[in-house]
């Protein structure tokens, strides 16, 4: 069966393969469950809060290591 697929794809030519590629993209995008505006707002807020928290943790960690480094070598 894979030989049949290869032979039909080879017979199509460049523009036929490009058209097939875009038809497959559109058929896959139709299957996507897109979030509602409320879900998108919630997800964005969660990501921003999480990133802010990680920035805070890394900043504190950096500050502590900086103080230790200046205490040891300063």
PDB file of N, CA and C in Angstrom:
ATOM      1  N   UNK A   1       0.823  -1.191   0.000  1.00  0.00           N
ATOM      2  CA  UNK A   1       0.000   0.000   0.000  1.00  0.00           C
ATOM      3  C   UNK A   1       0.869   1.257   0.000  1.00  0.00           C
ATOM      4  N   UNK A   2       1.995   1.233   0.705  1.00  0.00           N
ATOM      5  CA  UNK A   2       2.856   2.409   0.742  1.00  0.00           C
ATOM      6  C   UNK A   2       3.428   2.698  -0.636  1.00  0.00           C
ATOM      7  N   UNK A   3       3.605   1.645  -1.461  1.00  0.00           N
ATOM      8  CA  UNK A   3       4.088   1.871  -2.818  1.00  0.00           C
ATOM      9  C   UNK A   3       3.050   2.626  -3.643  1.00  0.00           C
ATOM     10  N   UNK A   4       1.763   2.353  -3.381  1.00  0.00           N
ATOM     11  CA  UNK A   4       0.701   3.056  -4.105  1.00  0.00           C
ATOM     12  C   UNK A   4       0.699   4.537  -3.738  1.00  0.00           C
ATOM     13  N   UNK A   5       0.891   4.828  -2.462  1.00  0.00           N
ATOM     14  CA  UNK A   5       0.912   6.224  -2.016  1.00  0.00           C
ATOM     15  C   UNK A   5       2.097   6.955  -2.634  1.00  0.00           C
ATOM     16  N   UNK A   6       3.244   6.314  -2.640  1.00  0.00           N
ATOM     17  CA  UNK A   6       4.438   6.943  -3.207  1.00  0.00           C
ATOM     18  C   UNK A   6       4.252   7.171  -4.693  1.00  0.00           C
ATOM     19  N   UNK A   7       3.701   6.193  -5.394  1.00  0.00           N
ATOM     20  CA  UNK A   7       3.550   6.345  -6.838  1.00  0.00           C
ATOM     21  C   UNK A   7       2.534   7.424  -7.175  1.00  0.00           C
ATOM     22  N   UNK A   8       1.453   7.572  -6.378  1.00  0.00           N
ATOM     23  CA  UNK A   8       0.488   8.631  -6.674  1.00  0.00           C
ATOM     24  C   UNK A   8       1.067   9.993  -6.329  1.00  0.00           C
ATOM     25  N   UNK A   9       1.895  10.079  -5.272  1.00  0.00           N
ATOM     26  CA  UNK A   9       2.504  11.362  -4.929  1.00  0.00           C
ATOM     27  C   UNK A   9       3.538  11.759  -5.979  1.00  0.00           C
ATOM     28  N   UNK A  10       4.266  10.789  -6.499  1.00  0.00           N
ATOM     29  CA  UNK A  10       5.265  11.101  -7.519  1.00  0.00           C
ATOM     30  C   UNK A  10       4.591  11.554  -8.808  1.00  0.00           C
ATOM     31  N   UNK A  11       3.417  11.035  -9.080  1.00  0.00           N
ATOM     32  CA  UNK A  11       2.732  11.362 -10.322  1.00  0.00           C
ATOM     33  C   UNK A  11       2.096  12.748 -10.276  1.00  0.00           C
ATOM     34  N   UNK A  12       1.913  13.319  -9.096  1.00  0.00           N
ATOM     35  CA  UNK A  12       1.207  14.591  -8.976  1.00  0.00           C
ATOM     36  C   UNK A  12       2.024  15.779  -9.443  1.00  0.00           C
ATOM     37  N   UNK A  13       3.276  15.806  -9.203  1.00  0.00           N
ATOM     38  CA  UNK A  13       4.074  16.971  -9.555  1.00  0.00           C
ATOM     39  C   UNK A  13       4.148  17.944  -8.401  1.00  0.00           C
ATOM     40  N   UNK A  14       4.892  19.016  -8.611  1.00  0.00           N
ATOM     41  CA  UNK A  14       5.159  19.975  -7.541  1.00  0.00           C
ATOM     42  C   UNK A  14       3.895  20.674  -7.057  1.00  0.00           C
ATOM     43  N   UNK A  15       3.111  21.221  -7.958  1.00  0.00           N
ATOM     44  CA  UNK A  15       1.933  21.989  -7.535  1.00  0.00           C
ATOM     45  C   UNK A  15       0.857  21.087  -6.938  1.00  0.00           C
ATOM     46  N   UNK A  16       0.765  19.871  -7.412  1.00  0.00           N
ATOM     47  CA  UNK A  16      -0.186  18.927  -6.821  1.00  0.00           C
ATOM     48  C   UNK A  16       0.176  18.569  -5.399  1.00  0.00           C
ATOM     49  N   UNK A  17       1.490  18.396  -5.162  1.00  0.00           N
ATOM     50  CA  UNK A  17       1.935  18.088  -3.802  1.00  0.00           C
ATOM     51  C   UNK A  17       1.747  19.275  -2.872  1.00  0.00           C
ATOM     52  N   UNK A  18       1.985  20.477  -3.385  1.00  0.00           N
ATOM     53  CA  UNK A  18       1.772  21.674  -2.553  1.00  0.00           C
ATOM     54  C   UNK A  18       0.288  21.811  -2.213  1.00  0.00           C
ATOM     55  N   UNK A  19      -0.572  21.593  -3.201  1.00  0.00           N
ATOM     56  CA  UNK A  19      -2.011  21.654  -2.940  1.00  0.00           C
ATOM     57  C   UNK A  19      -2.448  20.617  -1.929  1.00  0.00           C
ATOM     58  N   UNK A  20      -1.924  19.397  -2.052  1.00  0.00           N
ATOM     59  CA  UNK A  20      -2.243  18.344  -1.092  1.00  0.00           C
ATOM     60  C   UNK A  20      -1.785  18.734   0.301  1.00  0.00           C
ATOM     61  N   UNK A  21      -0.602  19.308   0.398  1.00  0.00           N
ATOM     62  CA  UNK A  21      -0.063  19.740   1.689  1.00  0.00           C
ATOM     63  C   UNK A  21      -1.005  20.749   2.355  1.00  0.00           C
ATOM     64  N   UNK A  22      -1.453  21.761   1.618  1.00  0.00           N
ATOM     65  CA  UNK A  22      -2.341  22.762   2.206  1.00  0.00           C
ATOM     66  C   UNK A  22      -3.719  22.204   2.513  1.00  0.00           C
ATOM     67  N   UNK A  23      -4.213  21.281   1.718  1.00  0.00           N
ATOM     68  CA  UNK A  23      -5.499  20.641   2.039  1.00  0.00           C
ATOM     69  C   UNK A  23      -5.395  19.832   3.323  1.00  0.00           C
ATOM     70  N   UNK A  24      -4.260  19.173   3.524  1.00  0.00           N
ATOM     71  CA  UNK A  24      -4.060  18.416   4.758  1.00  0.00           C
ATOM     72  C   UNK A  24      -3.947  19.348   5.962  1.00  0.00           C
ATOM     73  N   UNK A  25      -3.298  20.488   5.799  1.00  0.00           N
ATOM     74  CA  UNK A  25      -3.200  21.463   6.890  1.00  0.00           C
ATOM     75  C   UNK A  25      -4.582  21.949   7.288  1.00  0.00           C
ATOM     76  N   UNK A  26      -5.389  22.305   6.305  1.00  0.00           N
ATOM     77  CA  UNK A  26      -6.733  22.810   6.594  1.00  0.00           C
ATOM     78  C   UNK A  26      -7.581  21.732   7.255  1.00  0.00           C
ATOM     79  N   UNK A  27      -7.473  20.487   6.791  1.00  0.00           N
ATOM     80  CA  UNK A  27      -8.258  19.412   7.404  1.00  0.00           C
ATOM     81  C   UNK A  27      -7.845  19.178   8.852  1.00  0.00           C
ATOM     82  N   UNK A  28      -6.576  19.370   9.171  1.00  0.00           N
ATOM     83  CA  UNK A  28      -6.135  19.222  10.555  1.00  0.00           C
ATOM     84  C   UNK A  28      -6.575  20.410  11.412  1.00  0.00           C
ATOM     85  N   UNK A  29      -6.546  21.613  10.845  1.00  0.00           N
ATOM     86  CA  UNK A  29      -6.961  22.795  11.608  1.00  0.00           C
ATOM     87  C   UNK A  29      -8.446  22.758  11.928  1.00  0.00           C
ATOM     88  N   UNK A  30      -9.246  22.103  11.094  1.00  0.00           N
ATOM     89  CA  UNK A  30     -10.677  21.978  11.371  1.00  0.00           C
ATOM     90  C   UNK A  30     -10.888  21.139  12.632  1.00  0.00           C
ATOM     91  N   UNK A  31     -10.000  20.183  12.899  1.00  0.00           N
ATOM     92  CA  UNK A  31     -10.122  19.300  14.056  1.00  0.00           C
ATOM     93  C   UNK A  31      -9.722  19.978  15.367  1.00  0.00           C
ATOM     94  N   UNK A  32      -9.035  21.100  15.298  1.00  0.00           N
ATOM     95  CA  UNK A  32      -8.528  21.765  16.498  1.00  0.00           C
ATOM     96  C   UNK A  32      -9.686  22.347  17.297  1.00  0.00           C
ATOM     97  N   UNK A  33      -9.644  22.143  18.605  1.00  0.00           N
ATOM     98  CA  UNK A  33     -10.634  22.743  19.501  1.00  0.00           C
ATOM     99  C   UNK A  33     -10.041  24.056  19.988  1.00  0.00           C
ATOM    100  N   UNK A  34     -10.541  25.168  19.466  1.00  0.00           N
ATOM    101  CA  UNK A  34     -10.002  26.472  19.804  1.00  0.00           C
ATOM    102  C   UNK A  34     -10.580  26.942  21.137  1.00  0.00           C
ATOM    103  N   UNK A  35      -9.762  27.569  22.000  1.00  0.00           N
ATOM    104  CA  UNK A  35     -10.278  28.038  23.288  1.00  0.00           C
ATOM    105  C   UNK A  35     -11.191  29.248  23.113  1.00  0.00           C
ATOM    106  N   UNK A  36     -12.119  29.380  24.048  1.00  0.00           N
ATOM    107  CA  UNK A  36     -12.979  30.559  24.051  1.00  0.00           C
ATOM    108  C   UNK A  36     -12.179  31.753  24.561  1.00  0.00           C
ATOM    109  N   UNK A  37     -12.752  32.931  24.449  1.00  0.00           N
ATOM    110  CA  UNK A  37     -12.057  34.129  24.925  1.00  0.00           C
ATOM    111  C   UNK A  37     -11.812  34.052  26.433  1.00  0.00           C
ATOM    112  N   UNK A  38     -12.785  33.526  27.166  1.00  0.00           N
ATOM    113  CA  UNK A  38     -12.635  33.408  28.615  1.00  0.00           C
ATOM    114  C   UNK A  38     -11.516  32.422  28.965  1.00  0.00           C
ATOM    115  N   UNK A  39     -11.469  31.286  28.286  1.00  0.00           N
ATOM    116  CA  UNK A  39     -10.409  30.318  28.525  1.00  0.00           C
ATOM    117  C   UNK A  39      -9.047  30.905  28.180  1.00  0.00           C
ATOM    118  N   UNK A  40      -8.980  31.625  27.066  1.00  0.00           N
ATOM    119  CA  UNK A  40      -7.717  32.223  26.646  1.00  0.00           C
ATOM    120  C   UNK A  40      -7.227  33.244  27.662  1.00  0.00           C
ATOM    121  N   UNK A  41      -8.142  34.047  28.189  1.00  0.00           N
ATOM    122  CA  UNK A  41      -7.784  35.026  29.216  1.00  0.00           C
ATOM    123  C   UNK A  41      -7.281  34.319  30.477  1.00  0.00           C
ATOM    124  N   UNK A  42      -7.963  33.254  30.872  1.00  0.00           N
ATOM    125  CA  UNK A  42      -7.558  32.501  32.058  1.00  0.00           C
ATOM    126  C   UNK A  42      -6.179  31.875  31.859  1.00  0.00           C
ATOM    127  N   UNK A  43      -5.970  31.238  30.724  1.00  0.00           N
ATOM    128  CA  UNK A  43      -4.676  30.601  30.449  1.00  0.00           C
ATOM    129  C   UNK A  43      -3.550  31.633  30.410  1.00  0.00           C
ATOM    130  N   UNK A  44      -3.811  32.778  29.806  1.00  0.00           N
ATOM    131  CA  UNK A  44      -2.799  33.829  29.735  1.00  0.00           C
ATOM    132  C   UNK A  44      -2.453  34.335  31.130  1.00  0.00           C
ATOM    133  N   UNK A  45      -3.456  34.529  31.963  1.00  0.00           N
ATOM    134  CA  UNK A  45      -3.219  35.000  33.330  1.00  0.00           C
ATOM    135  C   UNK A  45      -2.409  33.972  34.116  1.00  0.00           C
ATOM    136  N   UNK A  46      -2.734  32.703  33.961  1.00  0.00           N
ATOM    137  CA  UNK A  46      -2.002  31.648  34.674  1.00  0.00           C
ATOM    138  C   UNK A  46      -0.537  31.641  34.243  1.00  0.00           C
ATOM    139  N   UNK A  47      -0.299  31.753  32.951  1.00  0.00           N
ATOM    140  CA  UNK A  47       1.082  31.749  32.453  1.00  0.00           C
ATOM    141  C   UNK A  47       1.842  32.962  32.966  1.00  0.00           C
ATOM    142  N   UNK A  48       1.230  34.133  32.945  1.00  0.00           N
ATOM    143  CA  UNK A  48       1.902  35.343  33.414  1.00  0.00           C
ATOM    144  C   UNK A  48       2.219  35.271  34.912  1.00  0.00           C
ATOM    145  N   UNK A  49       1.285  34.754  35.706  1.00  0.00           N
ATOM    146  CA  UNK A  49       1.533  34.609  37.146  1.00  0.00           C
ATOM    147  C   UNK A  49       2.661  33.612  37.385  1.00  0.00           C
ATOM    148  N   UNK A  50       2.644  32.508  36.659  1.00  0.00           N
ATOM    149  CA  UNK A  50       3.693  31.498  36.818  1.00  0.00           C
ATOM    150  C   UNK A  50       5.058  32.060  36.430  1.00  0.00           C
ATOM    151  N   UNK A  51       5.127  32.774  35.311  1.00  0.00           N
ATOM    152  CA  UNK A  51       6.392  33.363  34.875  1.00  0.00           C
ATOM    153  C   UNK A  51       6.875  34.395  35.898  1.00  0.00           C
ATOM    154  N   UNK A  52       5.964  35.198  36.421  1.00  0.00           N
ATOM    155  CA  UNK A  52       6.328  36.169  37.458  1.00  0.00           C
ATOM    156  C   UNK A  52       6.876  35.492  38.699  1.00  0.00           C
ATOM    157  N   UNK A  53       6.256  34.382  39.090  1.00  0.00           N
ATOM    158  CA  UNK A  53       6.725  33.630  40.253  1.00  0.00           C
ATOM    159  C   UNK A  53       8.129  33.068  40.010  1.00  0.00           C
ATOM    160  N   UNK A  54       8.351  32.510  38.845  1.00  0.00           N
ATOM    161  CA  UNK A  54       9.667  31.956  38.523  1.00  0.00           C
ATOM    162  C   UNK A  54      10.725  33.060  38.497  1.00  0.00           C
ATOM    163  N   UNK A  55      10.368  34.224  37.942  1.00  0.00           N
ATOM    164  CA  UNK A  55      11.296  35.354  37.934  1.00  0.00           C
ATOM    165  C   UNK A  55      11.647  35.754  39.370  1.00  0.00           C
ATOM    166  N   UNK A  56      10.663  35.785  40.238  1.00  0.00           N
ATOM    167  CA  UNK A  56      10.894  36.130  41.638  1.00  0.00           C
ATOM    168  C   UNK A  56      11.822  35.123  42.310  1.00  0.00           C
ATOM    169  N   UNK A  57      11.578  33.838  42.099  1.00  0.00           N
ATOM    170  CA  UNK A  57      12.414  32.796  42.712  1.00  0.00           C
ATOM    171  C   UNK A  57      13.850  32.894  42.208  1.00  0.00           C
ATOM    172  N   UNK A  58      14.027  33.051  40.908  1.00  0.00           N
ATOM    173  CA  UNK A  58      15.376  33.139  40.343  1.00  0.00           C
ATOM    174  C   UNK A  58      16.073  34.405  40.821  1.00  0.00           C
ATOM    175  N   UNK A  59      15.341  35.504  40.935  1.00  0.00           N
ATOM    176  CA  UNK A  59      15.939  36.755  41.417  1.00  0.00           C
ATOM    177  C   UNK A  59      16.414  36.625  42.863  1.00  0.00           C
ATOM    178  N   UNK A  60      15.601  36.008  43.689  1.00  0.00           N
ATOM    179  CA  UNK A  60      16.003  35.810  45.088  1.00  0.00           C
ATOM    180  C   UNK A  60      17.224  34.894  45.164  1.00  0.00           C
ATOM    181  N   UNK A  61      17.203  33.828  44.387  1.00  0.00           N
ATOM    182  CA  UNK A  61      18.333  32.906  44.339  1.00  0.00           C
ATOM    183  C   UNK A  61      19.601  33.637  43.897  1.00  0.00           C
ATOM    184  N   UNK A  62      19.479  34.479  42.870  1.00  0.00           N
ATOM    185  CA  UNK A  62      20.620  35.257  42.384  1.00  0.00           C
ATOM    186  C   UNK A  62      21.119  36.228  43.444  1.00  0.00           C
ATOM    187  N   UNK A  63      20.211  36.894  44.133  1.00  0.00           N
ATOM    188  CA  UNK A  63      20.597  37.832  45.181  1.00  0.00           C
ATOM    189  C   UNK A  63      21.348  37.119  46.305  1.00  0.00           C
ATOM    190  N   UNK A  64      20.848  35.957  46.721  1.00  0.00           N
ATOM    191  CA  UNK A  64      21.503  35.198  47.790  1.00  0.00           C
ATOM    192  C   UNK A  64      22.897  34.759  47.345  1.00  0.00           C
ATOM    193  N   UNK A  65      23.013  34.239  46.132  1.00  0.00           N
ATOM    194  CA  UNK A  65      24.333  33.820  45.650  1.00  0.00           C
ATOM    195  C   UNK A  65      25.287  35.000  45.500  1.00  0.00           C
ATOM    196  N   UNK A  66      24.768  36.151  45.091  1.00  0.00           N
ATOM    197  CA  UNK A  66      25.616  37.339  44.987  1.00  0.00           C
ATOM    198  C   UNK A  66      26.135  37.751  46.362  1.00  0.00           C
ATOM    199  N   UNK A  67      25.247  37.751  47.370  1.00  0.00           N
ATOM    200  CA  UNK A  67      25.662  38.120  48.730  1.00  0.00           C
ATOM    201  C   UNK A  67      26.710  37.131  49.258  1.00  0.00           C
ATOM    202  N   UNK A  68      26.499  35.851  49.019  1.00  0.00           N
ATOM    203  CA  UNK A  68      27.460  34.837  49.468  1.00  0.00           C
ATOM    204  C   UNK A  68      28.799  35.029  48.762  1.00  0.00           C
ATOM    205  N   UNK A  69      28.763  35.306  47.472  1.00  0.00           N
ATOM    206  CA  UNK A  69      29.999  35.493  46.711  1.00  0.00           C
ATOM    207  C   UNK A  69      30.777  36.700  47.210  1.00  0.00           C
ATOM    208  N   UNK A  70      30.083  37.830  47.454  1.00  0.00           N
ATOM    209  CA  UNK A  70      30.780  39.012  47.973  1.00  0.00           C
ATOM    210  C   UNK A  70      31.266  38.792  49.402  1.00  0.00           C
ATOM    211  N   UNK A  71      30.547  38.002  50.186  1.00  0.00           N
ATOM    212  CA  UNK A  71      30.979  37.712  51.545  1.00  0.00           C
ATOM    213  C   UNK A  71      32.250  36.857  51.535  1.00  0.00           C
ATOM    214  N   UNK A  72      32.291  35.858  50.601  1.00  0.00           N
ATOM    215  CA  UNK A  72      33.457  34.975  50.547  1.00  0.00           C
ATOM    216  C   UNK A  72      34.655  35.677  49.937  1.00  0.00           C
ATOM    217  N   UNK A  73      34.468  36.376  48.821  1.00  0.00           N
ATOM    218  CA  UNK A  73      35.592  36.961  48.102  1.00  0.00           C
ATOM    219  C   UNK A  73      35.775  38.466  48.347  1.00  0.00           C
ATOM    220  N   UNK A  74      34.820  39.084  48.977  1.00  0.00           N
ATOM    221  CA  UNK A  74      34.874  40.521  49.150  1.00  0.00           C
ATOM    222  C   UNK A  74      35.583  40.928  50.378  1.00  0.00           C
TER     223      UNK A  74
END
